[in-house]
Amino acid sequence: MKIFANIVEWLLDRLPVVIFVVIFIVQVVRSMMRTRQEEQPADKAKPNVLEEERRIKEIQEQVRRRIAERRGDAPPAEPPPIVRRETAPAPVPSPETTQMPEPFGGPLRRVLEEIERQTKPEPTPPPLPPRTVMVENRAAEWERQQELAEEMRAIEEARAAAKRRQARAAEAWAGEIGSEAKVQTAGDTPVLGDWRNPQDLRRAVVLREVLGTPVGLR
């Protein structure tokens, strides 16, 4: 089964060549059959013509003998005429019947051209890009540009907000430093005077932790 499938596939792949060979063989066989049909009547007709001529000669001789017998001067009996059997000459092949058909002429040429035209279709031009695709591409590009612009705007706003937060933090830190300096200048003399008492010193440390610079900003 596999071998048969391979043979069929091979024939389909070479279908134009197979058709050409079949048509060529059919033309050759047809020309040979036509030649034989034309030669056979000629060979049969020649023996018939010779036979008719021989009979005519015999009839003429019989008529002459009977006429001579009636006149009384019958000629001596002559031996029967010797009929020469002429050998029929070999038929001369006519160029029209024995000439091999041209492999690429006449109807065979038209068949080959038709097969070649069907097996080789004309190349189709590449399709032009439709207008809808161009419009969609432009719309998608415009949307991407809008998204990039929105992202840039959001980044700029985030940067501005961060700068504002940094400015407010710096202002608050500067205010705390200024208030601490005022407290220290205002209470330097009494505090220094009270450092000799352990309780006053402990109170000063607590006040420094409460009113001084936060631990995260030191």
N, C-alpha and C. Protein backbone atom coordinates (compact mmCIF):
# COMPACT_ATOMS: atom_id res chain seq x y z
N MET A 1 0.84 -1.22 0.00
CA MET A 1 0.00 0.00 0.00
C MET A 1 0.87 1.26 0.00
N LYS A 2 1.96 1.19 0.78
CA LYS A 2 2.86 2.35 0.83
C LYS A 2 3.54 2.58 -0.50
N ILE A 3 3.92 1.45 -1.17
CA ILE A 3 4.57 1.59 -2.49
C ILE A 3 3.60 2.20 -3.49
N PHE A 4 2.35 1.76 -3.47
CA PHE A 4 1.35 2.33 -4.38
C PHE A 4 1.15 3.82 -4.12
N ALA A 5 1.12 4.19 -2.83
CA ALA A 5 0.97 5.62 -2.49
C ALA A 5 2.16 6.42 -2.98
N ASN A 6 3.37 5.84 -2.86
CA ASN A 6 4.57 6.55 -3.34
C ASN A 6 4.52 6.72 -4.86
N ILE A 7 4.04 5.66 -5.56
CA ILE A 7 3.96 5.76 -7.03
C ILE A 7 2.96 6.84 -7.44
N VAL A 8 1.81 6.86 -6.76
CA VAL A 8 0.80 7.88 -7.08
C VAL A 8 1.33 9.27 -6.81
N GLU A 9 2.04 9.43 -5.69
CA GLU A 9 2.61 10.75 -5.37
C GLU A 9 3.65 11.16 -6.40
N TRP A 10 4.48 10.18 -6.86
CA TRP A 10 5.49 10.49 -7.87
C TRP A 10 4.82 10.91 -9.19
N LEU A 11 3.73 10.22 -9.58
CA LEU A 11 3.03 10.58 -10.81
C LEU A 11 2.40 11.96 -10.70
N LEU A 12 1.83 12.29 -9.54
CA LEU A 12 1.21 13.61 -9.38
C LEU A 12 2.25 14.71 -9.42
N ASP A 13 3.44 14.45 -8.86
CA ASP A 13 4.50 15.47 -8.91
C ASP A 13 4.97 15.72 -10.33
N ARG A 14 4.90 14.68 -11.19
CA ARG A 14 5.39 14.83 -12.58
C ARG A 14 4.24 14.68 -13.57
N LEU A 15 3.09 15.23 -13.21
CA LEU A 15 1.90 15.10 -14.04
C LEU A 15 2.08 15.70 -15.44
N PRO A 16 2.65 16.91 -15.62
CA PRO A 16 2.83 17.44 -16.98
C PRO A 16 3.69 16.53 -17.85
N VAL A 17 4.77 15.97 -17.28
CA VAL A 17 5.65 15.10 -18.07
C VAL A 17 4.91 13.82 -18.46
N VAL A 18 4.13 13.26 -17.54
CA VAL A 18 3.39 12.03 -17.84
C VAL A 18 2.36 12.28 -18.94
N ILE A 19 1.66 13.40 -18.87
CA ILE A 19 0.66 13.73 -19.90
C ILE A 19 1.34 13.89 -21.26
N PHE A 20 2.51 14.54 -21.28
CA PHE A 20 3.23 14.73 -22.53
C PHE A 20 3.63 13.38 -23.14
N VAL A 21 4.15 12.47 -22.30
CA VAL A 21 4.59 11.16 -22.80
C VAL A 21 3.39 10.37 -23.33
N VAL A 22 2.26 10.42 -22.61
CA VAL A 22 1.07 9.67 -23.06
C VAL A 22 0.57 10.21 -24.40
N ILE A 23 0.52 11.53 -24.54
CA ILE A 23 0.05 12.12 -25.81
C ILE A 23 1.00 11.77 -26.95
N PHE A 24 2.31 11.77 -26.67
CA PHE A 24 3.29 11.44 -27.71
C PHE A 24 3.12 9.99 -28.17
N ILE A 25 2.94 9.08 -27.20
CA ILE A 25 2.77 7.67 -27.55
C ILE A 25 1.48 7.46 -28.35
N VAL A 26 0.41 8.15 -27.96
CA VAL A 26 -0.86 8.03 -28.68
C VAL A 26 -0.71 8.51 -30.12
N GLN A 27 0.01 9.62 -30.33
CA GLN A 27 0.22 10.13 -31.68
C GLN A 27 1.01 9.13 -32.53
N VAL A 28 2.05 8.53 -31.93
CA VAL A 28 2.87 7.57 -32.69
C VAL A 28 2.05 6.34 -33.07
N VAL A 29 1.29 5.80 -32.10
CA VAL A 29 0.47 4.61 -32.39
C VAL A 29 -0.59 4.92 -33.44
N ARG A 30 -1.19 6.10 -33.36
CA ARG A 30 -2.21 6.47 -34.34
C ARG A 30 -1.62 6.57 -35.75
N SER A 31 -0.41 7.16 -35.86
CA SER A 31 0.21 7.27 -37.19
C SER A 31 0.57 5.89 -37.74
N MET A 32 1.04 4.98 -36.87
CA MET A 32 1.37 3.63 -37.35
C MET A 32 0.12 2.88 -37.82
N MET A 33 -0.97 3.02 -37.07
CA MET A 33 -2.21 2.36 -37.49
C MET A 33 -2.73 2.92 -38.80
N ARG A 34 -2.62 4.25 -38.97
CA ARG A 34 -3.07 4.85 -40.23
C ARG A 34 -2.23 4.34 -41.40
N THR A 35 -0.92 4.18 -41.17
CA THR A 35 -0.04 3.68 -42.24
C THR A 35 -0.42 2.26 -42.65
N ARG A 36 -0.69 1.41 -41.64
CA ARG A 36 -1.08 0.03 -41.96
C ARG A 36 -2.41 -0.03 -42.70
N GLN A 37 -3.35 0.80 -42.28
CA GLN A 37 -4.65 0.80 -42.96
C GLN A 37 -4.53 1.24 -44.41
N GLU A 38 -3.61 2.16 -44.71
CA GLU A 38 -3.44 2.61 -46.09
C GLU A 38 -2.66 1.59 -46.92
N GLU A 39 -1.77 0.81 -46.29
CA GLU A 39 -0.99 -0.16 -47.05
C GLU A 39 -1.80 -1.42 -47.36
N GLN A 40 -2.68 -1.83 -46.46
CA GLN A 40 -3.42 -3.07 -46.68
C GLN A 40 -4.32 -3.03 -47.91
N PRO A 41 -5.12 -2.00 -48.17
CA PRO A 41 -5.94 -1.99 -49.41
C PRO A 41 -5.10 -2.03 -50.67
N ALA A 42 -3.93 -1.39 -50.68
CA ALA A 42 -3.08 -1.41 -51.88
C ALA A 42 -2.57 -2.82 -52.15
N ASP A 43 -2.16 -3.53 -51.08
CA ASP A 43 -1.65 -4.90 -51.29
C ASP A 43 -2.76 -5.83 -51.77
N LYS A 44 -3.99 -5.64 -51.28
CA LYS A 44 -5.09 -6.50 -51.70
C LYS A 44 -5.56 -6.17 -53.11
N ALA A 45 -5.44 -4.93 -53.52
CA ALA A 45 -5.93 -4.53 -54.85
C ALA A 45 -5.03 -5.03 -55.96
N LYS A 46 -3.73 -5.14 -55.71
CA LYS A 46 -2.81 -5.55 -56.78
C LYS A 46 -3.04 -6.99 -57.23
N PRO A 47 -3.20 -7.97 -56.36
CA PRO A 47 -3.53 -9.32 -56.87
C PRO A 47 -4.85 -9.37 -57.62
N ASN A 48 -5.82 -8.62 -57.21
CA ASN A 48 -7.10 -8.61 -57.92
C ASN A 48 -6.93 -8.07 -59.34
N VAL A 49 -6.12 -7.05 -59.53
CA VAL A 49 -5.89 -6.49 -60.87
C VAL A 49 -5.20 -7.50 -61.76
N LEU A 50 -4.21 -8.20 -61.23
CA LEU A 50 -3.52 -9.21 -62.03
C LEU A 50 -4.46 -10.35 -62.43
N GLU A 51 -5.30 -10.74 -61.49
CA GLU A 51 -6.25 -11.81 -61.79
C GLU A 51 -7.24 -11.38 -62.87
N GLU A 52 -7.70 -10.17 -62.86
CA GLU A 52 -8.62 -9.67 -63.88
C GLU A 52 -7.94 -9.64 -65.24
N GLU A 53 -6.70 -9.20 -65.29
CA GLU A 53 -5.99 -9.16 -66.58
C GLU A 53 -5.82 -10.57 -67.16
N ARG A 54 -5.50 -11.52 -66.29
CA ARG A 54 -5.33 -12.90 -66.77
C ARG A 54 -6.64 -13.46 -67.33
N ARG A 55 -7.74 -13.19 -66.65
CA ARG A 55 -9.03 -13.68 -67.14
C ARG A 55 -9.40 -13.03 -68.47
N ILE A 56 -9.12 -11.74 -68.60
CA ILE A 56 -9.44 -11.05 -69.87
C ILE A 56 -8.66 -11.66 -71.02
N LYS A 57 -7.38 -11.98 -70.77
CA LYS A 57 -6.58 -12.59 -71.84
C LYS A 57 -7.11 -13.98 -72.21
N GLU A 58 -7.50 -14.75 -71.22
CA GLU A 58 -8.04 -16.08 -71.52
C GLU A 58 -9.33 -15.99 -72.34
N ILE A 59 -10.19 -15.03 -71.95
CA ILE A 59 -11.46 -14.87 -72.69
C ILE A 59 -11.19 -14.45 -74.13
N GLN A 60 -10.23 -13.54 -74.29
CA GLN A 60 -9.90 -13.11 -75.67
C GLN A 60 -9.37 -14.28 -76.51
N GLU A 61 -8.53 -15.13 -75.94
CA GLU A 61 -8.00 -16.28 -76.68
C GLU A 61 -9.12 -17.26 -77.06
N GLN A 62 -10.05 -17.49 -76.11
CA GLN A 62 -11.16 -18.39 -76.41
C GLN A 62 -12.03 -17.84 -77.54
N VAL A 63 -12.28 -16.53 -77.51
CA VAL A 63 -13.09 -15.93 -78.57
C VAL A 63 -12.40 -16.06 -79.92
N ARG A 64 -11.10 -15.86 -79.97
CA ARG A 64 -10.37 -15.98 -81.24
C ARG A 64 -10.41 -17.42 -81.77
N ARG A 65 -10.25 -18.39 -80.90
CA ARG A 65 -10.28 -19.79 -81.36
C ARG A 65 -11.65 -20.17 -81.91
N ARG A 66 -12.69 -19.72 -81.23
CA ARG A 66 -14.04 -20.04 -81.72
C ARG A 66 -14.31 -19.39 -83.08
N ILE A 67 -13.86 -18.15 -83.25
CA ILE A 67 -14.06 -17.49 -84.56
C ILE A 67 -13.30 -18.23 -85.66
N ALA A 68 -12.09 -18.66 -85.34
CA ALA A 68 -11.29 -19.39 -86.35
C ALA A 68 -11.92 -20.74 -86.68
N GLU A 69 -12.49 -21.43 -85.67
CA GLU A 69 -13.13 -22.72 -85.92
C GLU A 69 -14.34 -22.55 -86.82
N ARG A 70 -15.11 -21.49 -86.61
CA ARG A 70 -16.28 -21.28 -87.46
C ARG A 70 -15.87 -20.98 -88.90
N ARG A 71 -14.78 -20.30 -89.09
CA ARG A 71 -14.32 -20.00 -90.46
C ARG A 71 -13.70 -21.24 -91.13
N GLY A 72 -13.36 -22.22 -90.39
CA GLY A 72 -12.78 -23.44 -90.94
C GLY A 72 -11.29 -23.43 -90.97
N ASP A 73 -10.68 -22.42 -90.68
CA ASP A 73 -9.22 -22.41 -90.63
C ASP A 73 -8.76 -22.30 -89.18
N ALA A 74 -9.04 -23.38 -88.50
CA ALA A 74 -8.68 -23.37 -87.07
C ALA A 74 -7.18 -23.40 -86.94
N PRO A 75 -6.64 -22.58 -86.26
CA PRO A 75 -5.19 -22.55 -86.06
C PRO A 75 -4.76 -23.71 -85.19
N PRO A 76 -3.52 -24.09 -85.32
CA PRO A 76 -3.05 -25.17 -84.44
C PRO A 76 -3.22 -24.79 -82.98
N ALA A 77 -3.47 -25.87 -82.29
CA ALA A 77 -3.68 -25.62 -80.85
C ALA A 77 -2.43 -25.03 -80.24
N GLU A 78 -2.62 -24.00 -79.59
CA GLU A 78 -1.50 -23.34 -78.93
C GLU A 78 -1.51 -23.69 -77.45
N PRO A 79 -0.38 -23.80 -76.97
CA PRO A 79 -0.34 -24.07 -75.52
C PRO A 79 -0.95 -22.89 -74.75
N PRO A 80 -1.47 -23.22 -73.65
CA PRO A 80 -2.08 -22.11 -72.87
C PRO A 80 -1.04 -21.05 -72.54
N PRO A 81 -1.47 -19.88 -72.59
CA PRO A 81 -0.50 -18.80 -72.32
C PRO A 81 0.06 -18.90 -70.91
N ILE A 82 1.32 -18.64 -70.89
CA ILE A 82 2.01 -18.66 -69.59
C ILE A 82 1.77 -17.33 -68.89
N VAL A 83 1.18 -17.49 -67.80
CA VAL A 83 0.89 -16.28 -67.02
C VAL A 83 2.06 -16.01 -66.09
N ARG A 84 2.62 -14.91 -66.27
CA ARG A 84 3.74 -14.51 -65.40
C ARG A 84 3.20 -13.84 -64.13
N ARG A 85 3.64 -14.42 -63.12
CA ARG A 85 3.27 -13.82 -61.84
C ARG A 85 4.25 -12.71 -61.49
N GLU A 86 3.73 -11.58 -61.60
CA GLU A 86 4.58 -10.43 -61.28
C GLU A 86 4.55 -10.18 -59.77
N THR A 87 5.72 -10.09 -59.28
CA THR A 87 5.82 -9.79 -57.84
C THR A 87 5.45 -8.34 -57.61
N ALA A 88 4.62 -8.17 -56.65
CA ALA A 88 4.18 -6.80 -56.35
C ALA A 88 5.35 -6.01 -55.79
N PRO A 89 5.56 -4.84 -56.34
CA PRO A 89 6.67 -4.01 -55.81
C PRO A 89 6.39 -3.60 -54.37
N ALA A 90 7.49 -3.45 -53.68
CA ALA A 90 7.35 -3.04 -52.27
C ALA A 90 6.70 -1.67 -52.20
N PRO A 91 5.74 -1.53 -51.34
CA PRO A 91 5.06 -0.22 -51.26
C PRO A 91 6.03 0.87 -50.82
N VAL A 92 5.94 1.95 -51.56
CA VAL A 92 6.79 3.10 -51.22
C VAL A 92 6.10 3.89 -50.11
N PRO A 93 6.71 3.97 -48.98
CA PRO A 93 6.04 4.71 -47.88
C PRO A 93 5.92 6.17 -48.22
N SER A 94 4.73 6.64 -48.04
CA SER A 94 4.50 8.07 -48.29
C SER A 94 5.01 8.88 -47.11
N PRO A 95 5.56 10.05 -47.38
CA PRO A 95 6.12 10.85 -46.28
C PRO A 95 5.06 11.30 -45.29
N GLU A 96 3.80 11.37 -45.74
CA GLU A 96 2.77 11.87 -44.83
C GLU A 96 2.41 10.84 -43.78
N THR A 97 2.43 9.54 -44.18
CA THR A 97 1.99 8.51 -43.25
C THR A 97 3.11 8.03 -42.34
N THR A 98 4.37 8.03 -42.85
CA THR A 98 5.47 7.50 -42.05
C THR A 98 6.21 8.58 -41.28
N GLN A 99 5.90 9.80 -41.56
CA GLN A 99 6.61 10.88 -40.86
C GLN A 99 6.16 10.91 -39.40
N MET A 100 7.13 10.92 -38.51
CA MET A 100 6.83 10.96 -37.09
C MET A 100 6.22 12.32 -36.74
N PRO A 101 5.25 12.33 -35.87
CA PRO A 101 4.64 13.62 -35.51
C PRO A 101 5.63 14.47 -34.73
N GLU A 102 5.54 15.72 -35.00
CA GLU A 102 6.42 16.65 -34.30
C GLU A 102 6.04 16.69 -32.83
N PRO A 103 7.03 16.50 -31.94
CA PRO A 103 6.67 16.47 -30.51
C PRO A 103 6.19 17.80 -29.98
N PHE A 104 6.56 18.90 -30.62
CA PHE A 104 6.17 20.22 -30.13
C PHE A 104 5.45 21.03 -31.20
N GLY A 105 4.62 20.37 -32.02
CA GLY A 105 3.89 21.09 -33.06
C GLY A 105 2.44 20.65 -33.11
N GLY A 106 1.60 21.48 -33.70
CA GLY A 106 0.20 21.15 -33.87
C GLY A 106 -0.56 21.16 -32.56
N PRO A 107 -1.54 20.25 -32.43
CA PRO A 107 -2.35 20.24 -31.20
C PRO A 107 -1.55 19.89 -29.96
N LEU A 108 -0.48 19.09 -30.13
CA LEU A 108 0.35 18.74 -28.97
C LEU A 108 1.00 19.97 -28.36
N ARG A 109 1.41 20.89 -29.21
CA ARG A 109 2.03 22.12 -28.71
C ARG A 109 1.02 22.94 -27.90
N ARG A 110 -0.22 23.01 -28.41
CA ARG A 110 -1.23 23.77 -27.67
C ARG A 110 -1.53 23.12 -26.33
N VAL A 111 -1.56 21.78 -26.31
CA VAL A 111 -1.82 21.09 -25.03
C VAL A 111 -0.70 21.37 -24.04
N LEU A 112 0.55 21.33 -24.50
CA LEU A 112 1.68 21.60 -23.61
C LEU A 112 1.64 23.03 -23.10
N GLU A 113 1.30 23.98 -23.97
CA GLU A 113 1.22 25.37 -23.52
C GLU A 113 0.13 25.54 -22.47
N GLU A 114 -1.01 24.86 -22.68
CA GLU A 114 -2.10 24.96 -21.69
C GLU A 114 -1.69 24.37 -20.35
N ILE A 115 -0.99 23.22 -20.39
CA ILE A 115 -0.53 22.59 -19.14
C ILE A 115 0.47 23.47 -18.43
N GLU A 116 1.40 24.05 -19.21
CA GLU A 116 2.39 24.93 -18.59
C GLU A 116 1.73 26.17 -17.99
N ARG A 117 0.71 26.69 -18.66
CA ARG A 117 0.04 27.88 -18.13
C ARG A 117 -0.71 27.56 -16.85
N GLN A 118 -1.29 26.36 -16.76
CA GLN A 118 -2.02 25.99 -15.55
C GLN A 118 -1.09 25.66 -14.40
N THR A 119 0.07 25.05 -14.70
CA THR A 119 1.00 24.70 -13.62
C THR A 119 1.79 25.89 -13.11
N LYS A 120 1.89 26.96 -13.89
CA LYS A 120 2.64 28.15 -13.47
C LYS A 120 1.68 29.33 -13.46
N PRO A 121 0.98 29.53 -12.35
CA PRO A 121 0.05 30.68 -12.29
C PRO A 121 0.81 32.00 -12.26
N GLU A 122 0.14 33.03 -12.74
CA GLU A 122 0.75 34.35 -12.76
C GLU A 122 0.94 34.87 -11.34
N PRO A 123 2.12 35.47 -11.07
CA PRO A 123 2.35 35.99 -9.71
C PRO A 123 1.42 37.15 -9.40
N THR A 124 0.81 37.08 -8.25
CA THR A 124 -0.09 38.15 -7.83
C THR A 124 0.69 39.27 -7.17
N PRO A 125 0.37 40.53 -7.46
CA PRO A 125 1.10 41.65 -6.83
C PRO A 125 0.83 41.68 -5.34
N PRO A 126 1.79 42.16 -4.54
CA PRO A 126 1.57 42.23 -3.09
C PRO A 126 0.44 43.19 -2.76
N PRO A 127 -0.41 42.83 -1.81
CA PRO A 127 -1.54 43.71 -1.47
C PRO A 127 -1.06 44.99 -0.81
N LEU A 128 -1.73 46.09 -1.16
CA LEU A 128 -1.40 47.38 -0.56
C LEU A 128 -1.96 47.46 0.85
N PRO A 129 -1.27 48.16 1.76
CA PRO A 129 -1.78 48.27 3.13
C PRO A 129 -3.10 49.03 3.14
N PRO A 130 -4.13 48.48 3.77
CA PRO A 130 -5.42 49.18 3.80
C PRO A 130 -5.34 50.46 4.62
N ARG A 131 -6.25 51.37 4.28
CA ARG A 131 -6.27 52.66 4.96
C ARG A 131 -6.63 52.52 6.43
N THR A 132 -7.48 51.54 6.76
CA THR A 132 -7.88 51.36 8.16
C THR A 132 -6.69 51.00 9.04
N VAL A 133 -5.76 50.19 8.50
CA VAL A 133 -4.58 49.82 9.29
C VAL A 133 -3.73 51.05 9.59
N MET A 134 -3.55 51.94 8.60
CA MET A 134 -2.77 53.15 8.82
C MET A 134 -3.43 54.03 9.87
N VAL A 135 -4.75 54.15 9.80
CA VAL A 135 -5.45 54.98 10.79
C VAL A 135 -5.30 54.39 12.19
N GLU A 136 -5.42 53.07 12.30
CA GLU A 136 -5.27 52.43 13.61
C GLU A 136 -3.86 52.62 14.15
N ASN A 137 -2.85 52.53 13.28
CA ASN A 137 -1.47 52.73 13.73
C ASN A 137 -1.27 54.15 14.25
N ARG A 138 -1.84 55.13 13.53
CA ARG A 138 -1.70 56.51 13.98
C ARG A 138 -2.42 56.72 15.32
N ALA A 139 -3.60 56.13 15.48
CA ALA A 139 -4.34 56.28 16.75
C ALA A 139 -3.57 55.65 17.90
N ALA A 140 -2.98 54.48 17.66
CA ALA A 140 -2.20 53.83 18.72
C ALA A 140 -0.97 54.66 19.08
N GLU A 141 -0.31 55.25 18.07
CA GLU A 141 0.86 56.10 18.34
C GLU A 141 0.45 57.33 19.15
N TRP A 142 -0.69 57.93 18.81
CA TRP A 142 -1.14 59.11 19.55
C TRP A 142 -1.47 58.75 21.00
N GLU A 143 -2.08 57.58 21.22
CA GLU A 143 -2.38 57.15 22.59
C GLU A 143 -1.10 56.93 23.39
N ARG A 144 -0.08 56.33 22.75
CA ARG A 144 1.19 56.14 23.46
C ARG A 144 1.83 57.48 23.84
N GLN A 145 1.76 58.45 22.93
CA GLN A 145 2.31 59.76 23.25
C GLN A 145 1.55 60.42 24.40
N GLN A 146 0.23 60.26 24.43
CA GLN A 146 -0.55 60.82 25.53
C GLN A 146 -0.19 60.14 26.86
N GLU A 147 -0.01 58.82 26.83
CA GLU A 147 0.37 58.12 28.06
C GLU A 147 1.73 58.59 28.55
N LEU A 148 2.69 58.76 27.63
CA LEU A 148 4.01 59.26 28.03
C LEU A 148 3.91 60.66 28.62
N ALA A 149 3.07 61.50 28.02
CA ALA A 149 2.91 62.86 28.55
C ALA A 149 2.31 62.83 29.95
N GLU A 150 1.32 61.96 30.17
CA GLU A 150 0.73 61.84 31.51
C GLU A 150 1.76 61.36 32.53
N GLU A 151 2.58 60.39 32.12
CA GLU A 151 3.60 59.90 33.04
C GLU A 151 4.61 61.00 33.38
N MET A 152 5.04 61.77 32.38
CA MET A 152 5.98 62.86 32.64
C MET A 152 5.35 63.90 33.55
N ARG A 153 4.07 64.21 33.34
CA ARG A 153 3.38 65.19 34.19
C ARG A 153 3.31 64.68 35.64
N ALA A 154 3.00 63.38 35.81
CA ALA A 154 2.94 62.83 37.17
C ALA A 154 4.30 62.86 37.85
N ILE A 155 5.36 62.59 37.08
CA ILE A 155 6.71 62.63 37.66
C ILE A 155 7.07 64.05 38.09
N GLU A 156 6.74 65.04 37.26
CA GLU A 156 7.03 66.43 37.61
C GLU A 156 6.26 66.84 38.86
N GLU A 157 4.99 66.44 38.94
CA GLU A 157 4.20 66.78 40.13
C GLU A 157 4.78 66.12 41.38
N ALA A 158 5.22 64.86 41.26
CA ALA A 158 5.81 64.19 42.41
C ALA A 158 7.09 64.88 42.84
N ARG A 159 7.90 65.31 41.87
CA ARG A 159 9.13 66.03 42.21
C ARG A 159 8.80 67.34 42.93
N ALA A 160 7.80 68.08 42.43
CA ALA A 160 7.43 69.35 43.06
C ALA A 160 6.92 69.13 44.48
N ALA A 161 6.11 68.08 44.69
CA ALA A 161 5.61 67.79 46.03
C ALA A 161 6.74 67.42 46.98
N ALA A 162 7.72 66.64 46.46
CA ALA A 162 8.85 66.28 47.31
C ALA A 162 9.66 67.51 47.69
N LYS A 163 9.85 68.44 46.73
CA LYS A 163 10.59 69.67 47.04
C LYS A 163 9.84 70.50 48.09
N ARG A 164 8.50 70.56 47.96
CA ARG A 164 7.73 71.32 48.95
C ARG A 164 7.83 70.69 50.34
N ARG A 165 7.78 69.36 50.39
CA ARG A 165 7.91 68.70 51.69
C ARG A 165 9.29 68.94 52.30
N GLN A 166 10.32 68.90 51.46
CA GLN A 166 11.66 69.17 51.97
C GLN A 166 11.78 70.60 52.49
N ALA A 167 11.16 71.55 51.78
CA ALA A 167 11.22 72.95 52.23
C ALA A 167 10.51 73.13 53.56
N ARG A 168 9.32 72.51 53.71
CA ARG A 168 8.60 72.62 54.97
C ARG A 168 9.37 71.97 56.12
N ALA A 169 9.99 70.82 55.83
CA ALA A 169 10.78 70.15 56.88
C ALA A 169 11.97 71.00 57.29
N ALA A 170 12.61 71.65 56.29
CA ALA A 170 13.76 72.51 56.63
C ALA A 170 13.32 73.70 57.46
N GLU A 171 12.17 74.30 57.09
CA GLU A 171 11.67 75.43 57.87
C GLU A 171 11.34 75.02 59.31
N ALA A 172 10.70 73.86 59.47
CA ALA A 172 10.36 73.39 60.82
C ALA A 172 11.61 73.12 61.64
N TRP A 173 12.61 72.52 60.99
CA TRP A 173 13.86 72.23 61.71
C TRP A 173 14.56 73.51 62.13
N ALA A 174 14.57 74.50 61.23
CA ALA A 174 15.20 75.78 61.57
C ALA A 174 14.46 76.46 62.72
N GLY A 175 13.11 76.36 62.74
CA GLY A 175 12.34 76.95 63.84
C GLY A 175 12.64 76.28 65.17
N GLU A 176 12.78 74.96 65.16
CA GLU A 176 13.09 74.24 66.39
C GLU A 176 14.47 74.62 66.91
N ILE A 177 15.43 74.76 65.98
CA ILE A 177 16.78 75.15 66.42
C ILE A 177 16.76 76.54 67.03
N GLY A 178 16.00 77.46 66.40
CA GLY A 178 15.93 78.82 66.93
C GLY A 178 15.28 78.86 68.31
N SER A 179 14.19 78.11 68.52
CA SER A 179 13.52 78.09 69.83
C SER A 179 14.41 77.49 70.90
N GLU A 180 15.16 76.47 70.53
CA GLU A 180 16.07 75.84 71.49
C GLU A 180 17.18 76.79 71.89
N ALA A 181 17.68 77.54 70.91
CA ALA A 181 18.74 78.50 71.23
C ALA A 181 18.23 79.58 72.17
N LYS A 182 16.98 80.03 71.95
CA LYS A 182 16.40 81.05 72.83
C LYS A 182 16.24 80.52 74.25
N VAL A 183 15.77 79.28 74.36
CA VAL A 183 15.59 78.70 75.70
C VAL A 183 16.92 78.60 76.43
N GLN A 184 17.97 78.19 75.67
CA GLN A 184 19.27 78.03 76.30
C GLN A 184 19.85 79.37 76.73
N THR A 185 19.70 80.40 75.88
CA THR A 185 20.25 81.72 76.23
C THR A 185 19.50 82.34 77.39
N ALA A 186 18.20 82.06 77.42
CA ALA A 186 17.41 82.65 78.50
C ALA A 186 17.69 81.97 79.84
N GLY A 187 17.96 80.73 79.84
CA GLY A 187 18.13 80.03 81.11
C GLY A 187 19.51 79.54 81.37
N ASP A 188 20.50 80.11 80.69
CA ASP A 188 21.87 79.65 80.91
C ASP A 188 22.35 79.98 82.33
N THR A 189 22.09 81.20 82.74
CA THR A 189 22.64 81.64 84.04
C THR A 189 22.02 80.90 85.20
N PRO A 190 20.65 80.81 85.28
CA PRO A 190 20.12 80.09 86.42
C PRO A 190 20.42 78.62 86.39
N VAL A 191 20.42 78.03 85.15
CA VAL A 191 20.66 76.59 85.09
C VAL A 191 22.08 76.27 85.51
N LEU A 192 23.02 77.08 85.00
CA LEU A 192 24.41 76.84 85.38
C LEU A 192 24.59 77.00 86.88
N GLY A 193 23.80 77.91 87.41
CA GLY A 193 23.91 78.09 88.86
C GLY A 193 23.32 76.94 89.63
N ASP A 194 22.32 76.26 89.01
CA ASP A 194 21.67 75.16 89.71
C ASP A 194 22.33 73.83 89.47
N TRP A 195 23.37 73.74 88.60
CA TRP A 195 23.98 72.45 88.29
C TRP A 195 24.69 71.83 89.50
N ARG A 196 24.93 72.68 90.49
CA ARG A 196 25.61 72.14 91.67
C ARG A 196 24.69 71.23 92.48
N ASN A 197 23.38 71.41 92.35
CA ASN A 197 22.42 70.57 93.04
C ASN A 197 22.08 69.38 92.15
N PRO A 198 22.22 68.11 92.64
CA PRO A 198 21.94 66.95 91.78
C PRO A 198 20.51 66.94 91.26
N GLN A 199 19.55 67.36 92.03
CA GLN A 199 18.17 67.35 91.55
C GLN A 199 17.98 68.35 90.41
N ASP A 200 18.61 69.54 90.59
CA ASP A 200 18.51 70.53 89.50
C ASP A 200 19.19 70.04 88.23
N LEU A 201 20.32 69.32 88.39
CA LEU A 201 21.03 68.79 87.22
C LEU A 201 20.18 67.74 86.49
N ARG A 202 19.49 66.89 87.29
CA ARG A 202 18.63 65.87 86.68
C ARG A 202 17.48 66.55 85.93
N ARG A 203 16.92 67.61 86.53
CA ARG A 203 15.83 68.34 85.88
C ARG A 203 16.30 68.99 84.60
N ALA A 204 17.54 69.48 84.57
CA ALA A 204 18.08 70.10 83.36
C ALA A 204 18.24 69.08 82.24
N VAL A 205 18.68 67.86 82.60
CA VAL A 205 18.83 66.82 81.57
C VAL A 205 17.48 66.45 80.98
N VAL A 206 16.45 66.34 81.87
CA VAL A 206 15.12 66.01 81.37
C VAL A 206 14.59 67.10 80.45
N LEU A 207 14.80 68.37 80.86
CA LEU A 207 14.35 69.47 80.01
C LEU A 207 15.08 69.47 78.66
N ARG A 208 16.38 69.12 78.68
CA ARG A 208 17.13 69.09 77.41
C ARG A 208 16.57 68.01 76.48
N GLU A 209 16.22 66.84 77.06
CA GLU A 209 15.67 65.78 76.23
C GLU A 209 14.31 66.16 75.68
N VAL A 210 13.53 66.91 76.47
CA VAL A 210 12.19 67.28 76.03
C VAL A 210 12.22 68.43 75.06
N LEU A 211 12.99 69.47 75.36
CA LEU A 211 13.00 70.68 74.55
C LEU A 211 14.13 70.72 73.54
N GLY A 212 15.06 69.83 73.62
CA GLY A 212 16.21 69.87 72.71
C GLY A 212 15.91 69.27 71.34
N THR A 213 16.97 69.10 70.56
CA THR A 213 16.86 68.54 69.19
C THR A 213 16.41 67.09 69.26
N PRO A 214 15.45 66.69 68.45
CA PRO A 214 15.03 65.29 68.45
C PRO A 214 16.19 64.35 68.14
N VAL A 215 16.05 63.12 68.58
CA VAL A 215 17.12 62.13 68.40
C VAL A 215 17.33 61.82 66.91
N GLY A 216 16.25 61.80 66.14
CA GLY A 216 16.40 61.51 64.71
C GLY A 216 17.11 62.60 63.94
N LEU A 217 17.17 63.87 64.46
CA LEU A 217 17.83 64.97 63.75
C LEU A 217 19.20 65.28 64.29
N ARG A 218 19.69 64.57 65.27
CA ARG A 218 21.03 64.84 65.80
C ARG A 218 22.09 64.34 64.85
